[in-house]
């Protein structure tokens, strides 16, 4: 038995198996189109059927079980996309603030950033894991042993602190340039 799933009867298993055989191909291609990877698509389909088994009464009472299954798949694929956080893997500060990094894997702290008050070591670690190492937020949350939401919030705050401090530093440099002219 999985989690809070009740024991399924033979007729329940037959019902689920019938839906699986009927819907698998459509579900797989739908999930693959959304998630862009076959392994993730397969995982999404399997997770959808786990949900179907857990909520079998709701599925059976639905006037449209195929629609119920597709709706569940939509929620599962969205959850997978969210946990992978494809759209937020890298922090971008804007075209004017991007700099070329000779070796993107070598992300040793720049002392000017650490010691001139631009960024703390903790903020640097968070942002470099996401931006340089290519970690997903989920992977970083697992590494830090914190919840996904807490990790997102820490990264958001680190970005905000960096952007604010970087903006102040840029303004200070610009003022000094004007004074020197």
Protein backbone atom coordinates (compact mmCIF):
# COMPACT_ATOMS: atom_id res chain seq x y z
CA UNK A 1 0.00 0.00 0.00
CA UNK A 2 1.17 3.51 -0.82
CA UNK A 3 0.70 6.30 1.74
CA UNK A 4 -2.95 6.79 2.57
CA UNK A 5 -4.23 4.52 -0.21
CA UNK A 6 -6.84 1.97 0.79
CA UNK A 7 -6.52 -1.61 -0.34
CA UNK A 8 -7.92 -1.95 -3.85
CA UNK A 9 -10.31 -4.72 -4.79
CA UNK A 10 -9.91 -6.82 -7.91
CA UNK A 11 -12.64 -4.79 -9.66
CA UNK A 12 -10.89 -1.55 -8.64
CA UNK A 13 -7.63 -2.80 -10.10
CA UNK A 14 -9.41 -3.88 -13.28
CA UNK A 15 -11.03 -0.44 -13.56
CA UNK A 16 -7.69 1.37 -13.09
CA UNK A 17 -5.93 -1.00 -15.48
CA UNK A 18 -8.58 -0.37 -18.13
CA UNK A 19 -8.14 3.39 -17.81
CA UNK A 20 -4.39 2.96 -17.90
CA UNK A 21 -4.50 0.95 -21.12
CA UNK A 22 -6.98 3.37 -22.70
CA UNK A 23 -5.27 6.60 -21.64
CA UNK A 24 -1.55 5.84 -21.38
CA UNK A 25 -0.42 6.93 -24.85
CA UNK A 26 -2.38 10.18 -24.79
CA UNK A 27 -1.20 10.95 -21.27
CA UNK A 28 2.43 10.14 -22.04
CA UNK A 29 2.57 12.40 -25.10
CA UNK A 30 0.76 15.19 -23.27
CA UNK A 31 3.20 15.02 -20.34
CA UNK A 32 6.20 14.74 -22.68
CA UNK A 33 5.10 17.88 -24.51
CA UNK A 34 4.82 19.77 -21.21
CA UNK A 35 7.90 18.37 -19.42
CA UNK A 36 10.14 17.91 -22.49
CA UNK A 37 11.64 14.64 -21.23
CA UNK A 38 10.41 11.08 -21.58
CA UNK A 39 11.52 10.03 -18.09
CA UNK A 40 9.62 12.92 -16.52
CA UNK A 41 6.59 12.18 -18.68
CA UNK A 42 6.59 8.55 -17.53
CA UNK A 43 6.95 9.70 -13.92
CA UNK A 44 4.01 12.08 -14.35
CA UNK A 45 1.77 9.35 -15.79
CA UNK A 46 2.68 6.95 -12.99
CA UNK A 47 2.12 9.63 -10.34
CA UNK A 48 -1.26 10.41 -11.89
CA UNK A 49 -2.34 6.81 -11.53
CA UNK A 50 -1.13 6.75 -7.93
CA UNK A 51 -3.38 9.76 -7.36
CA UNK A 52 -6.21 7.96 -9.16
CA UNK A 53 -5.81 4.97 -6.85
CA UNK A 54 -5.75 7.23 -3.80
CA UNK A 55 -8.86 9.07 -4.92
CA UNK A 56 -10.66 6.17 -6.57
CA UNK A 57 -14.08 7.09 -5.17
CA UNK A 58 -13.83 10.56 -6.70
CA UNK A 59 -12.64 9.10 -10.01
CA UNK A 60 -15.44 6.51 -10.17
CA UNK A 61 -18.11 9.06 -9.29
CA UNK A 62 -16.92 11.43 -12.00
CA UNK A 63 -19.21 11.67 -15.05
CA UNK A 64 -16.05 11.87 -17.17
CA UNK A 65 -13.27 9.64 -15.75
CA UNK A 66 -10.99 10.31 -18.73
CA UNK A 67 -11.31 14.05 -18.13
CA UNK A 68 -10.69 13.50 -14.42
CA UNK A 69 -7.48 11.60 -15.23
CA UNK A 70 -6.28 14.28 -17.68
CA UNK A 71 -7.01 16.98 -15.12
CA UNK A 72 -5.03 15.05 -12.52
CA UNK A 73 -2.17 14.69 -15.03
CA UNK A 74 -2.25 18.43 -15.64
CA UNK A 75 -1.83 19.04 -11.91
CA UNK A 76 0.96 16.47 -11.64
CA UNK A 77 2.89 17.95 -14.59
CA UNK A 78 2.51 21.44 -13.12
CA UNK A 79 3.83 20.17 -9.80
CA UNK A 80 6.81 18.53 -11.49
CA UNK A 81 7.54 21.71 -13.46
CA UNK A 82 7.31 23.76 -10.29
CA UNK A 83 9.68 21.52 -8.37
CA UNK A 84 12.18 21.56 -11.19
CA UNK A 85 11.62 25.29 -11.40
CA UNK A 86 12.78 25.42 -14.99
CA UNK A 87 12.09 29.10 -15.40
CA UNK A 88 14.10 30.21 -12.34
CA UNK A 89 17.24 28.12 -12.55
CA UNK A 90 19.46 31.10 -13.19
CA UNK A 91 19.38 34.56 -11.73
CA UNK A 92 19.64 37.31 -14.26
CA UNK A 93 20.29 40.83 -13.19
CA UNK A 94 19.73 42.54 -16.53
CA UNK A 95 21.90 43.10 -19.58
CA UNK A 96 23.86 45.96 -18.06
CA UNK A 97 24.96 43.95 -15.04
CA UNK A 98 25.95 40.67 -16.67
CA UNK A 99 29.63 39.98 -16.81
CA UNK A 100 31.65 37.36 -18.64
CA UNK A 101 32.97 34.57 -16.45
CA UNK A 102 36.10 32.85 -17.77
CA UNK A 103 35.31 29.50 -16.17
CA UNK A 104 31.67 29.22 -15.08
CA UNK A 105 32.45 26.19 -12.91
CA UNK A 106 35.06 28.09 -10.90
CA UNK A 107 32.97 30.29 -8.66
CA UNK A 108 35.35 31.16 -5.90
CA UNK A 109 34.11 34.19 -4.01
CA UNK A 110 35.37 37.46 -5.39
CA UNK A 111 36.81 39.20 -2.31
CA UNK A 112 35.55 42.54 -3.61
CA UNK A 113 32.01 41.21 -3.48
CA UNK A 114 32.39 39.52 -0.12
CA UNK A 115 34.36 42.15 1.76
CA UNK A 116 33.08 45.39 0.27
CA UNK A 117 29.61 44.66 1.56
CA UNK A 118 28.01 43.81 -1.74
CA UNK A 119 27.08 40.27 -0.87
CA UNK A 120 27.38 37.99 2.14
CA UNK A 121 28.97 34.56 1.87
CA UNK A 122 25.59 32.91 2.44
CA UNK A 123 23.95 34.96 -0.33
CA UNK A 124 26.88 34.27 -2.63
CA UNK A 125 26.58 30.54 -1.99
CA UNK A 126 22.84 30.49 -2.71
CA UNK A 127 23.09 32.57 -5.87
CA UNK A 128 26.14 30.76 -7.22
CA UNK A 129 24.55 27.33 -6.68
CA UNK A 130 21.54 28.42 -8.73
CA UNK A 131 23.23 30.67 -11.29
CA UNK A 132 26.64 29.08 -11.79
CA UNK A 133 26.27 25.44 -10.79
CA UNK A 134 22.85 25.09 -12.41
CA UNK A 135 21.14 23.64 -9.35
CA UNK A 136 17.37 23.68 -9.33
CA UNK A 137 15.73 25.23 -6.30
CA UNK A 138 14.58 21.76 -5.27
CA UNK A 139 18.14 20.40 -5.40
CA UNK A 140 19.41 23.34 -3.36
CA UNK A 141 16.60 22.94 -0.82
CA UNK A 142 17.54 19.26 -0.44
CA UNK A 143 21.20 20.16 -0.02
CA UNK A 144 20.40 22.75 2.66
CA UNK A 145 17.79 20.48 4.25
CA UNK A 146 15.08 23.14 4.11
CA UNK A 147 11.65 23.26 2.52
CA UNK A 148 11.21 24.30 -1.10
CA UNK A 149 9.28 27.41 -0.07
CA UNK A 150 11.98 28.43 2.43
CA UNK A 151 14.68 27.96 -0.20
CA UNK A 152 12.76 30.05 -2.74
CA UNK A 153 12.34 32.81 -0.18
CA UNK A 154 16.04 32.77 0.77
CA UNK A 155 17.04 33.02 -2.89
CA UNK A 156 14.52 35.80 -3.49
CA UNK A 157 15.85 37.78 -0.52
CA UNK A 158 19.48 37.19 -1.55
CA UNK A 159 18.70 38.47 -5.06
CA UNK A 160 16.90 41.50 -3.68
CA UNK A 161 19.77 42.34 -1.30
CA UNK A 162 22.32 41.92 -4.08
CA UNK A 163 20.35 44.01 -6.57
CA UNK A 164 19.77 46.77 -4.03
CA UNK A 165 23.41 46.86 -2.93
CA UNK A 166 24.69 46.54 -6.49
CA UNK A 167 22.45 49.41 -7.58
CA UNK A 168 23.79 51.59 -4.75
CA UNK A 169 27.35 50.66 -5.70
CA UNK A 170 26.76 51.51 -9.37
CA UNK A 171 25.26 54.87 -8.37
CA UNK A 172 28.27 55.57 -6.10
CA UNK A 173 30.72 54.75 -8.90
CA UNK A 174 28.78 56.95 -11.34
CA UNK A 175 28.83 59.86 -8.85
CA UNK A 176 32.58 59.43 -8.40
CA UNK A 177 33.11 59.40 -12.18
CA UNK A 178 31.19 62.66 -12.51
CA UNK A 179 33.25 64.23 -9.71
CA UNK A 180 36.50 63.18 -11.40
CA UNK A 181 35.53 64.84 -14.71
